[in-house]
Every structure is written in structure tokens, then in C-alpha cells.
C-alpha atoms as a PDB file:
ATOM      1  CA  MET A   1      60.953  29.905 136.755  1.00  0.00           C
ATOM      2  CA  LYS A   2      60.350  26.187 136.779  1.00  0.00           C
ATOM      3  CA  GLY A   3      57.538  26.569 134.198  1.00  0.00           C
ATOM      4  CA  THR A   4      59.730  28.578 131.947  1.00  0.00           C
ATOM      5  CA  GLY A   5      62.488  26.054 132.161  1.00  0.00           C
ATOM      6  CA  PHE A   6      60.080  23.239 131.377  1.00  0.00           C
ATOM      7  CA  PHE A   7      58.845  25.006 128.273  1.00  0.00           C
ATOM      8  CA  LYS A   8      62.356  25.647 127.101  1.00  0.00           C
ATOM      9  CA  LYS A   9      63.371  22.105 127.796  1.00  0.00           C
ATOM     10  CA  HIS A  10      60.446  20.580 125.958  1.00  0.00           C
ATOM     11  CA  ARG A  11      59.991  23.334 123.394  1.00  0.00           C
ATOM     12  CA  VAL A  12      60.620  21.077 120.410  1.00  0.00           C
ATOM     13  CA  GLY A  13      58.054  18.530 121.575  1.00  0.00           C
ATOM     14  CA  PHE A  14      55.504  21.181 122.324  1.00  0.00           C
ATOM     15  CA  LEU A  15      55.871  22.741 118.854  1.00  0.00           C
ATOM     16  CA  LEU A  16      55.669  19.325 117.200  1.00  0.00           C
ATOM     17  CA  GLY A  17      52.451  18.515 119.094  1.00  0.00           C
ATOM     18  CA  SER A  18      50.919  21.854 118.195  1.00  0.00           C
ATOM     19  CA  TYR A  19      51.706  21.312 114.512  1.00  0.00           C
ATOM     20  CA  LEU A  20      50.219  17.821 114.547  1.00  0.00           C
ATOM     21  CA  THR A  21      47.058  19.125 116.213  1.00  0.00           C
ATOM     22  CA  PHE A  22      46.678  21.883 113.570  1.00  0.00           C
ATOM     23  CA  CYS A  23      47.139  19.362 110.780  1.00  0.00           C
ATOM     24  CA  LEU A  24      44.466  17.086 112.212  1.00  0.00           C
ATOM     25  CA  LEU A  25      42.002  19.930 112.520  1.00  0.00           C
ATOM     26  CA  SER A  26      42.681  21.069 108.944  1.00  0.00           C
ATOM     27  CA  ILE A  27      42.148  17.553 107.642  1.00  0.00           C
ATOM     28  CA  SER A  28      38.898  17.227 109.583  1.00  0.00           C
ATOM     29  CA  ILE A  29      37.548  20.531 108.300  1.00  0.00           C
ATOM     30  CA  SER A  30      38.608  19.760 104.707  1.00  0.00           C
ATOM     31  CA  THR A  31      36.894  16.355 104.880  1.00  0.00           C
ATOM     32  CA  LYS A  32      33.603  17.841 106.087  1.00  0.00           C
ATOM     33  CA  THR A  33      33.802  20.454 103.356  1.00  0.00           C
ATOM     34  CA  LEU A  34      34.300  17.806 100.731  1.00  0.00           C
ATOM     35  CA  VAL A  35      31.315  15.828 102.044  1.00  0.00           C
ATOM     36  CA  LEU A  36      29.007  18.868 102.036  1.00  0.00           C
ATOM     37  CA  ARG A  37      30.004  20.302  98.628  1.00  0.00           C
ATOM     38  CA  PRO A  38      28.160  17.745  96.376  1.00  0.00           C
ATOM     39  CA  LYS A  39      24.887  18.438  98.214  1.00  0.00           C
ATOM     40  CA  GLU A  40      25.323  22.148  97.745  1.00  0.00           C
ATOM     41  CA  ILE A  41      26.142  21.691  94.058  1.00  0.00           C
ATOM     42  CA  GLY A  42      23.092  19.431  93.560  1.00  0.00           C
ATOM     43  CA  LEU A  43      20.860  21.906  95.336  1.00  0.00           C
ATOM     44  CA  SER A  44      22.132  24.741  93.163  1.00  0.00           C
ATOM     45  CA  VAL A  45      21.624  22.761  89.940  1.00  0.00           C
ATOM     46  CA  PHE A  46      18.108  21.738  90.991  1.00  0.00           C
ATOM     47  CA  SER A  47      17.272  25.335  91.853  1.00  0.00           C
ATOM     48  CA  LEU A  48      18.419  26.528  88.449  1.00  0.00           C
ATOM     49  CA  PHE A  49      16.449  23.771  86.696  1.00  0.00           C
ATOM     50  CA  GLN A  50      13.354  24.592  88.700  1.00  0.00           C
ATOM     51  CA  ALA A  51      13.726  28.303  87.903  1.00  0.00           C
ATOM     52  CA  GLY A  52      14.061  27.474  84.179  1.00  0.00           C
ATOM     53  CA  ILE A  53      10.946  25.317  84.224  1.00  0.00           C
ATOM     54  CA  GLY A  54       9.084  28.087  86.010  1.00  0.00           C
ATOM     55  CA  SER A  55      10.177  30.609  83.350  1.00  0.00           C
ATOM     56  CA  VAL A  56       9.078  28.298  80.540  1.00  0.00           C
ATOM     57  CA  GLN A  57       5.725  27.724  82.213  1.00  0.00           C
ATOM     58  CA  ARG A  58       5.196  31.457  82.646  1.00  0.00           C
ATOM     59  CA  LEU A  59       6.178  32.101  79.012  1.00  0.00           C
ATOM     60  CA  PHE A  60       3.855  29.386  77.769  1.00  0.00           C
ATOM     61  CA  SER A  61       1.012  30.661  79.936  1.00  0.00           C
ATOM     62  CA  GLU A  62       1.545  34.256  78.774  1.00  0.00           C
ATOM     63  CA  THR A  63       1.656  33.085  75.128  1.00  0.00           C
ATOM     64  CA  ILE A  64      -1.636  31.213  75.515  1.00  0.00           C
ATOM     65  CA  ASP A  65      -3.216  34.255  77.157  1.00  0.00           C
ATOM     66  CA  SER A  66      -1.924  36.491  74.358  1.00  0.00           C
ATOM     67  CA  ILE A  67      -3.382  34.164  71.702  1.00  0.00           C
ATOM     68  CA  ARG A  68      -6.730  34.137  73.470  1.00  0.00           C
ATOM     69  CA  THR A  69      -6.646  37.921  73.765  1.00  0.00           C
ATOM     70  CA  LEU A  70      -5.829  38.307  70.070  1.00  0.00           C
ATOM     71  CA  LYS A  71      -8.638  35.926  69.133  1.00  0.00           C
ATOM     72  CA  THR A  72     -11.083  37.878  71.270  1.00  0.00           C
ATOM     73  CA  LEU A  73      -9.900  41.177  69.779  1.00  0.00           C
ATOM     74  CA  LYS A  74     -10.266  39.772  66.253  1.00  0.00           C
ATOM     75  CA  GLN A  75     -13.825  38.645  66.985  1.00  0.00           C
ATOM     76  CA  ASP A  76     -14.654  42.045  68.473  1.00  0.00           C
ATOM     77  CA  TYR A  77     -13.108  43.775  65.439  1.00  0.00           C
ATOM     78  CA  GLU A  78     -15.140  41.643  62.998  1.00  0.00           C
ATOM     79  CA  GLN A  79     -18.308  42.359  64.964  1.00  0.00           C
ATOM     80  CA  VAL A  80     -17.587  46.087  64.891  1.00  0.00           C
ATOM     81  CA  LEU A  81     -16.953  45.941  61.131  1.00  0.00           C
ATOM     82  CA  GLU A  82     -20.179  44.026  60.559  1.00  0.00           C
ATOM     83  CA  ARG A  83     -22.099  46.541  62.650  1.00  0.00           C
ATOM     84  CA  LEU A  84     -20.472  49.405  60.756  1.00  0.00           C
ATOM     85  CA  ARG A  85     -21.447  47.868  57.410  1.00  0.00           C
ATOM     86  CA  TYR A  86     -24.997  47.450  58.684  1.00  0.00           C
ATOM     87  CA  TYR A  87     -25.198  51.088  59.777  1.00  0.00           C
ATOM     88  CA  GLU A  88     -23.743  52.235  56.435  1.00  0.00           C
ATOM     89  CA  LYS A  89     -26.410  50.213  54.627  1.00  0.00           C
ATOM     90  CA  VAL A  90     -29.142  51.667  56.829  1.00  0.00           C
ATOM     91  CA  GLU A  91     -27.787  55.166  56.261  1.00  0.00           C
ATOM     92  CA  LYS A  92     -27.802  54.680  52.474  1.00  0.00           C
ATOM     93  CA  GLN A  93     -31.345  53.320  52.574  1.00  0.00           C
ATOM     94  CA  TYR A  94     -32.428  56.243  54.709  1.00  0.00           C
ATOM     95  CA  ALA A  95     -30.792  58.711  52.317  1.00  0.00           C
ATOM     96  CA  ALA A  96     -32.497  57.010  49.357  1.00  0.00           C
ATOM     97  CA  LEU A  97     -35.886  57.112  51.090  1.00  0.00           C
ATOM     98  CA  GLU A  98     -35.349  60.740  52.043  1.00  0.00           C
ATOM     99  CA  GLU A  99     -34.499  61.640  48.437  1.00  0.00           C
ATOM    100  CA  GLU A 100     -37.520  59.730  47.130  1.00  0.00           C
ATOM    101  CA  ASN A 101     -39.737  61.443  49.691  1.00  0.00           C
ATOM    102  CA  ARG A 102     -38.370  64.824  48.612  1.00  0.00           C
ATOM    103  CA  GLN A 103     -39.087  64.000  44.975  1.00  0.00           C
ATOM    104  CA  LEU A 104     -42.606  62.836  45.770  1.00  0.00           C
ATOM    105  CA  LYS A 105     -43.282  66.057  47.683  1.00  0.00           C
ATOM    106  CA  GLU A 106     -41.938  68.016  44.733  1.00  0.00           C
ATOM    107  CA  VAL A 107     -44.187  66.011  42.405  1.00  0.00           C
ATOM    108  CA  LEU A 108     -47.248  66.680  44.568  1.00  0.00           C
ATOM    109  CA  GLN A 109     -46.571  70.403  44.891  1.00  0.00           C
ATOM    110  CA  PHE A 110     -45.861  70.744  41.191  1.00  0.00           C
ATOM    111  CA  SER A 111     -48.945  68.791  40.103  1.00  0.00           C
ATOM    112  CA  GLN A 112     -51.082  71.185  42.133  1.00  0.00           C
ATOM    113  CA  SER A 113     -49.558  74.207  40.370  1.00  0.00           C
ATOM    114  CA  ILE A 114     -49.999  72.969  36.776  1.00  0.00           C
ATOM    115  CA  PRO A 115     -52.809  74.840  34.991  1.00  0.00           C
ATOM    116  CA  TYR A 116     -53.731  71.623  33.171  1.00  0.00           C
ATOM    117  CA  GLN A 117     -55.064  68.346  34.430  1.00  0.00           C
ATOM    118  CA  SER A 118     -52.119  65.975  34.627  1.00  0.00           C
ATOM    119  CA  ILE A 119     -51.345  62.332  35.281  1.00  0.00           C
ATOM    120  CA  PRO A 120     -48.153  61.726  37.270  1.00  0.00           C
ATOM    121  CA  ALA A 121     -46.106  58.726  36.188  1.00  0.00           C
ATOM    122  CA  ARG A 122     -42.746  57.093  36.816  1.00  0.00           C
ATOM    123  CA  VAL A 123     -40.139  56.323  34.165  1.00  0.00           C
ATOM    124  CA  ILE A 124     -39.612  52.564  34.207  1.00  0.00           C
ATOM    125  CA  GLY A 125     -37.314  52.030  31.237  1.00  0.00           C
ATOM    126  CA  LYS A 126     -36.102  52.699  27.733  1.00  0.00           C
ATOM    127  CA  ASP A 127     -36.864  50.817  24.543  1.00  0.00           C
ATOM    128  CA  PRO A 128     -33.747  48.911  23.363  1.00  0.00           C
ATOM    129  CA  GLN A 129     -35.360  48.246  19.968  1.00  0.00           C
ATOM    130  CA  ASN A 130     -35.488  51.950  19.227  1.00  0.00           C
ATOM    131  CA  TYR A 131     -31.834  52.782  19.999  1.00  0.00           C
ATOM    132  CA  TYR A 132     -32.819  54.006  23.462  1.00  0.00           C
ATOM    133  CA  THR A 133     -34.581  57.078  22.016  1.00  0.00           C
ATOM    134  CA  THR A 134     -37.886  56.339  23.745  1.00  0.00           C
ATOM    135  CA  LEU A 135     -38.928  56.233  27.405  1.00  0.00           C
ATOM    136  CA  THR A 136     -41.451  53.933  29.066  1.00  0.00           C
ATOM    137  CA  ILE A 137     -43.713  55.130  31.876  1.00  0.00           C
ATOM    138  CA  ASN A 138     -45.916  53.110  34.237  1.00  0.00           C
ATOM    139  CA  LYS A 139     -49.261  54.636  33.239  1.00  0.00           C
ATOM    140  CA  GLY A 140     -51.405  53.765  30.207  1.00  0.00           C
ATOM    141  CA  SER A 141     -54.860  53.942  28.676  1.00  0.00           C
ATOM    142  CA  LEU A 142     -56.455  52.615  31.865  1.00  0.00           C
ATOM    143  CA  HIS A 143     -55.268  55.835  33.525  1.00  0.00           C
ATOM    144  CA  GLY A 144     -56.605  58.120  30.785  1.00  0.00           C
ATOM    145  CA  ILE A 145     -53.399  58.513  28.766  1.00  0.00           C
ATOM    146  CA  GLN A 146     -53.766  58.911  25.004  1.00  0.00           C
ATOM    147  CA  ARG A 147     -51.436  59.253  22.064  1.00  0.00           C
ATOM    148  CA  ASN A 148     -49.798  62.699  21.420  1.00  0.00           C
ATOM    149  CA  MET A 149     -50.390  63.963  24.949  1.00  0.00           C
ATOM    150  CA  PRO A 150     -47.523  66.256  26.019  1.00  0.00           C
ATOM    151  CA  VAL A 151     -45.180  65.084  28.767  1.00  0.00           C
ATOM    152  CA  ILE A 152     -43.370  67.443  31.128  1.00  0.00           C
ATOM    153  CA  ALA A 153     -41.245  67.080  34.273  1.00  0.00           C
ATOM    154  CA  ILE A 154     -39.675  69.143  37.034  1.00  0.00           C
ATOM    155  CA  GLN A 155     -36.078  69.062  38.243  1.00  0.00           C
ATOM    156  CA  GLY A 156     -34.530  71.379  40.782  1.00  0.00           C
ATOM    157  CA  GLY A 157     -37.737  73.362  40.943  1.00  0.00           C
ATOM    158  CA  LYS A 158     -37.714  74.016  37.183  1.00  0.00           C
ATOM    159  CA  GLN A 159     -40.394  72.827  34.784  1.00  0.00           C
ATOM    160  CA  GLY A 160     -39.279  71.437  31.427  1.00  0.00           C
ATOM    161  CA  LEU A 161     -40.602  69.663  28.340  1.00  0.00           C
ATOM    162  CA  VAL A 162     -39.892  65.924  28.083  1.00  0.00           C
ATOM    163  CA  GLY A 163     -41.748  64.962  24.914  1.00  0.00           C
ATOM    164  CA  LYS A 164     -45.078  63.441  23.894  1.00  0.00           C
ATOM    165  CA  ILE A 165     -46.899  60.121  24.190  1.00  0.00           C
ATOM    166  CA  LEU A 166     -46.013  57.962  21.196  1.00  0.00           C
ATOM    167  CA  GLN A 167     -47.873  54.770  22.044  1.00  0.00           C
ATOM    168  CA  THR A 168     -50.136  53.554  24.845  1.00  0.00           C
ATOM    169  CA  GLY A 169     -50.806  50.235  26.505  1.00  0.00           C
ATOM    170  CA  PHE A 170     -53.175  49.324  29.305  1.00  0.00           C
ATOM    171  CA  ASN A 171     -50.718  49.976  32.130  1.00  0.00           C
ATOM    172  CA  ALA A 172     -47.758  51.575  30.355  1.00  0.00           C
ATOM    173  CA  SER A 173     -46.974  54.110  27.653  1.00  0.00           C
ATOM    174  CA  ILE A 174     -44.045  54.992  25.423  1.00  0.00           C
ATOM    175  CA  VAL A 175     -42.805  58.580  25.410  1.00  0.00           C
ATOM    176  CA  GLN A 176     -40.975  60.160  22.481  1.00  0.00           C
ATOM    177  CA  PRO A 177     -38.447  62.559  24.071  1.00  0.00           C
ATOM    178  CA  ILE A 178     -37.464  65.861  22.495  1.00  0.00           C
ATOM    179  CA  TYR A 179     -33.938  64.573  21.737  1.00  0.00           C
ATOM    180  CA  ASP A 180     -35.383  62.012  19.285  1.00  0.00           C
ATOM    181  CA  PRO A 181     -34.349  63.066  15.715  1.00  0.00           C
ATOM    182  CA  THR A 182     -37.914  62.471  14.497  1.00  0.00           C
ATOM    183  CA  SER A 183     -39.417  64.746  17.159  1.00  0.00           C
ATOM    184  CA  TYR A 184     -40.392  68.339  16.235  1.00  0.00           C
ATOM    185  CA  VAL A 185     -41.651  70.998  18.645  1.00  0.00           C
ATOM    186  CA  ALA A 186     -42.772  74.486  17.645  1.00  0.00           C
ATOM    187  CA  ALA A 187     -40.663  76.809  19.813  1.00  0.00           C
ATOM    188  CA  ARG A 188     -39.894  80.463  20.474  1.00  0.00           C
ATOM    189  CA  LEU A 189     -37.068  82.413  22.131  1.00  0.00           C
ATOM    190  CA  SER A 190     -38.609  83.863  25.265  1.00  0.00           C
ATOM    191  CA  VAL A 191     -36.932  87.304  25.032  1.00  0.00           C
ATOM    192  CA  SER A 192     -36.278  88.055  21.354  1.00  0.00           C
ATOM    193  CA  ARG A 193     -39.467  86.133  20.355  1.00  0.00           C
ATOM    194  CA  TYR A 194     -38.003  84.515  17.222  1.00  0.00           C
ATOM    195  CA  GLU A 195     -39.581  81.208  16.275  1.00  0.00           C
ATOM    196  CA  GLY A 196     -38.340  77.882  14.966  1.00  0.00           C
ATOM    197  CA  LEU A 197     -38.579  74.104  15.321  1.00  0.00           C
ATOM    198  CA  VAL A 198     -36.785  72.161  18.071  1.00  0.00           C
ATOM    199  CA  SER A 199     -35.637  68.653  17.214  1.00  0.00           C
ATOM    200  CA  GLY A 200     -33.157  66.071  18.446  1.00  0.00           C
ATOM    201  CA  SER A 201     -30.108  64.428  16.942  1.00  0.00           C
ATOM    202  CA  ALA A 202     -28.289  61.112  16.935  1.00  0.00           C
ATOM    203  CA  GLU A 203     -26.017  62.443  19.718  1.00  0.00           C
ATOM    204  CA  GLU A 204     -29.070  63.064  21.945  1.00  0.00           C
ATOM    205  CA  LYS A 205     -28.556  66.811  21.614  1.00  0.00           C
ATOM    206  CA  ILE A 206     -31.341  69.250  20.780  1.00  0.00           C
ATOM    207  CA  TYR A 207     -31.271  72.053  18.228  1.00  0.00           C
ATOM    208  CA  MET A 208     -33.618  74.821  17.148  1.00  0.00           C
ATOM    209  CA  TYR A 209     -33.847  75.061  13.354  1.00  0.00           C
ATOM    210  CA  TYR A 210     -35.253  77.611  10.872  1.00  0.00           C
ATOM    211  CA  VAL A 211     -34.494  80.692  12.970  1.00  0.00           C
ATOM    212  CA  LYS A 212     -34.258  83.793  10.747  1.00  0.00           C
ATOM    213  CA  ARG A 213     -30.667  84.660   9.893  1.00  0.00           C
ATOM    214  CA  PHE A 214     -30.974  88.332  10.818  1.00  0.00           C
ATOM    215  CA  ALA A 215     -32.101  87.268  14.319  1.00  0.00           C
ATOM    216  CA  ARG A 216     -28.428  86.764  15.211  1.00  0.00           C
ATOM    217  CA  MET A 217     -28.106  90.468  16.004  1.00  0.00           C
ATOM    218  CA  ASN A 218     -30.815  90.250  18.648  1.00  0.00           C
ATOM    219  CA  ILE A 219     -30.297  86.918  20.375  1.00  0.00           C
ATOM    220  CA  GLN A 220     -27.567  85.915  22.785  1.00  0.00           C
ATOM    221  CA  SER A 221     -26.314  82.897  24.675  1.00  0.00           C
ATOM    222  CA  GLY A 222     -28.338  81.987  27.782  1.00  0.00           C
ATOM    223  CA  GLU A 223     -31.748  82.939  26.387  1.00  0.00           C
ATOM    224  CA  LEU A 224     -34.581  80.592  27.281  1.00  0.00           C
ATOM    225  CA  ILE A 225     -36.452  78.684  24.550  1.00  0.00           C
ATOM    226  CA  VAL A 226     -40.069  77.704  25.238  1.00  0.00           C
ATOM    227  CA  THR A 227     -42.912  76.062  23.350  1.00  0.00           C
ATOM    228  CA  SER A 228     -44.750  78.494  21.078  1.00  0.00           C
ATOM    229  CA  GLY A 229     -48.151  76.741  21.156  1.00  0.00           C
ATOM    230  CA  LEU A 230     -48.515  77.032  17.371  1.00  0.00           C
ATOM    231  CA  ASN A 231     -49.701  73.439  17.106  1.00  0.00           C
ATOM    232  CA  SER A 232     -52.376  71.487  18.929  1.00  0.00           C
ATOM    233  CA  ILE A 233     -50.018  69.176  20.837  1.00  0.00           C
ATOM    234  CA  PHE A 234     -47.914  71.338  23.174  1.00  0.00           C
ATOM    235  CA  PRO A 235     -49.309  74.260  25.182  1.00  0.00           C
ATOM    236  CA  PRO A 236     -47.380  77.549  24.996  1.00  0.00           C
ATOM    237  CA  GLY A 237     -44.736  78.645  27.447  1.00  0.00           C
ATOM    238  CA  ILE A 238     -43.253  75.281  28.516  1.00  0.00           C
ATOM    239  CA  PRO A 239     -39.455  75.658  28.880  1.00  0.00           C
ATOM    240  CA  ILE A 240     -37.422  73.481  26.533  1.00  0.00           C
ATOM    241  CA  GLY A 241     -33.810  74.554  26.916  1.00  0.00           C
ATOM    242  CA  ILE A 242     -31.219  77.314  27.215  1.00  0.00           C
ATOM    243  CA  LEU A 243     -29.432  78.725  24.180  1.00  0.00           C
ATOM    244  CA  LYS A 244     -25.884  77.344  24.241  1.00  0.00           C
ATOM    245  CA  ALA A 245     -24.407  78.171  20.827  1.00  0.00           C
ATOM    246  CA  ILE A 246     -25.344  79.635  17.445  1.00  0.00           C
ATOM    247  CA  HIS A 247     -24.341  77.783  14.264  1.00  0.00           C
ATOM    248  CA  ALA A 248     -24.564  79.399  10.842  1.00  0.00           C
ATOM    249  CA  ARG A 249     -22.831  79.001   7.486  1.00  0.00           C
ATOM    250  CA  GLU A 250     -22.433  81.816   4.994  1.00  0.00           C
ATOM    251  CA  TYR A 251     -24.760  80.307   2.425  1.00  0.00           C
ATOM    252  CA  ASP A 252     -27.505  79.306   4.934  1.00  0.00           C
ATOM    253  CA  THR A 253     -30.618  81.437   5.107  1.00  0.00           C
ATOM    254  CA  SER A 254     -31.391  80.446   8.711  1.00  0.00           C
ATOM    255  CA  LEU A 255     -29.629  79.806  11.993  1.00  0.00           C
ATOM    256  CA  VAL A 256     -29.223  76.586  13.945  1.00  0.00           C
ATOM    257  CA  LEU A 257     -29.292  77.090  17.694  1.00  0.00           C
ATOM    258  CA  GLU A 258     -27.789  74.481  20.000  1.00  0.00           C
ATOM    259  CA  LEU A 259     -29.682  74.131  23.288  1.00  0.00           C
ATOM    260  CA  ASP A 260     -28.986  72.808  26.761  1.00  0.00           C
ATOM    261  CA  PRO A 261     -32.217  70.992  27.729  1.00  0.00           C
ATOM    262  CA  ILE A 262     -33.896  72.047  30.951  1.00  0.00           C
ATOM    263  CA  ILE A 263     -34.441  68.397  31.869  1.00  0.00           C
ATOM    264  CA  ASP A 264     -31.477  66.130  32.571  1.00  0.00           C
ATOM    265  CA  PHE A 265     -32.825  62.933  30.995  1.00  0.00           C
ATOM    266  CA  GLY A 266     -30.133  60.849  32.672  1.00  0.00           C
ATOM    267  CA  ARG A 267     -31.746  61.658  36.060  1.00  0.00           C
ATOM    268  CA  LEU A 268     -35.374  61.620  34.954  1.00  0.00           C
ATOM    269  CA  GLU A 269     -37.636  59.598  37.286  1.00  0.00           C
ATOM    270  CA  PHE A 270     -41.081  61.239  37.396  1.00  0.00           C
ATOM    271  CA  VAL A 271     -43.097  62.888  34.633  1.00  0.00           C
ATOM    272  CA  TYR A 272     -46.536  64.467  34.124  1.00  0.00           C
ATOM    273  CA  VAL A 273     -48.756  63.663  31.190  1.00  0.00           C
ATOM    274  CA  LEU A 274     -50.905  66.702  30.383  1.00  0.00           C
ATOM    275  CA  GLN A 275     -54.551  66.135  29.531  1.00  0.00           C
ATOM    276  CA  MET A 276     -54.963  68.942  27.031  1.00  0.00           C
ATOM    277  CA  GLN A 277     -58.407  67.779  25.947  1.00  0.00           C
ATOM    278  CA  ARG A 278     -59.777  68.553  29.428  1.00  0.00           C
ATOM    279  CA  GLY A 279     -59.339  71.506  31.715  1.00  0.00           C
ATOM    280  CA  ASN A 280     -57.682  73.803  29.210  1.00  0.00           C
ATOM    281  CA  PRO A 281     -57.314  77.271  30.746  1.00  0.00           C
END
């Protein structure tokens, strides 16, 4: 009862003291907070700055690594391309050697089957002074080649007439091909047996002239034309070309036959010069 009366009696003083104490504590806490806040702010700013520097360093490092990787990949790519070009070159050389080997085998097999003695030779050029109507081969008089010897070749397993020797040197000879306008070969249709003369033209085409007009009823496109052997230069039976077309005008007494030559002169590489003076069957 005494305590309660004391509280009531001094209630105002007690409340005033309590308020003052609360104010002092609030001021103390606020002061400490104000002292600590700049440190916290500085620490936060420094942390952000440090994180930014770290990000930049990582980005720079990753960029350098990417550049090095790209450089390495580029070098590897160029090496692969160089190796690929090398292998392509080797493959082409191998294909060329394989084709040449095939041709040489074909030449050897064919030379053994010819019923005449022959001299194999390679075409080494054309004569620009004669409008490219002549061929040059790499064999001459030192190899037994003489003027007017017949020249044949084989392509795709088929034998065909090339022409005749026009001129000889020691190690080379000039061949007059059948498409030369001044070349004439006695020929015959292999089935209907009509005869004529095969000659060339300015367009490097070959025609068979002086075929009897009435032969048109008995000949047809696709018939083979061969040498007739009616002169002393070409042996009989050598294929010349395939009948392609028949040309005739009303007032002409003979036919003109257009031929597809057996030999593709644009691909001609090897020929055989026949020695008709020796080994005739």
C-alpha cells in the first residue's frame, strides 16, 4: 500500500525520468548507426567495383581465348584445305597415269593383232603452217618410216584409218589425215560393196565421192565404209567411217556420202605406221 502510494505520488517524476531515459537511448543508438553507415556504404561500393573489375577481366580473358581458338581453327582449316588440294592433285595424276597405262596396254594388244608389221608412234603436234591439216608423230626415218606408209589407230577397241605419211625426218614424221581436202582414199561400202573415193573438206569432214547414183536404193545410213585396197598405199578392209547422210542433186550422176570417221582426231594420241613393203600377208 505504501509502494502504491509512492508511485502515485511521484508518478509524474517517474514518467518524466522514463521518457528522458528512452530519449537518451534513442540518441545513442542513432549516433552509432550514423557512425557505422559510411563504412557499410564504402564496403558496398568497393565490392561492386571489385565485381565489375572481375567481370571485365573475365570478359577480356575469354575474348583472348576466343581469338586464339579462332586463329588455331583457321590454321587447321588452311592445313586441311592444303592437304585436300594435294590429294586432289595426286588423284588427278593417278587417273592420268591409269588412263595412259590403259592406252599403252591397248596399243600393245592391238599391235600384236595387226597382220602387218607396224611402228607405234605418238602424236606430238599439228603443223600451223598447213592450216592444222597435218599431224606430227615422234617417229621418223631412223625408225624405218617412209613416205606414203599408211597410218591407222585404235579408239574404244575399234580400228580406224588415220591417213598416210606425207614427209619424214630423222626422229619425226608428218601425217596427212583423211580429212585433208587433198587426201584421197579408195573406199568401199562394206555391205552393199559400192566403191568410191573418200576425201576431206575445209570443215574437217570426210565424204565419199563418185558413188553410182542407182546405189541409193541399196545403201542405208549406218553402213560401214572401209578401204578397198585398189591402190598400192592402203591395204583393204581398214575401217574409215560410218555412213551419216546421202547427198545428191537431180542433175548429178553420182552420190556424195557424208561419213562419221571411226577415229576421233580430237582425242588421237597413238598411231601405227604400217610397213606394207614387209610382212604383207
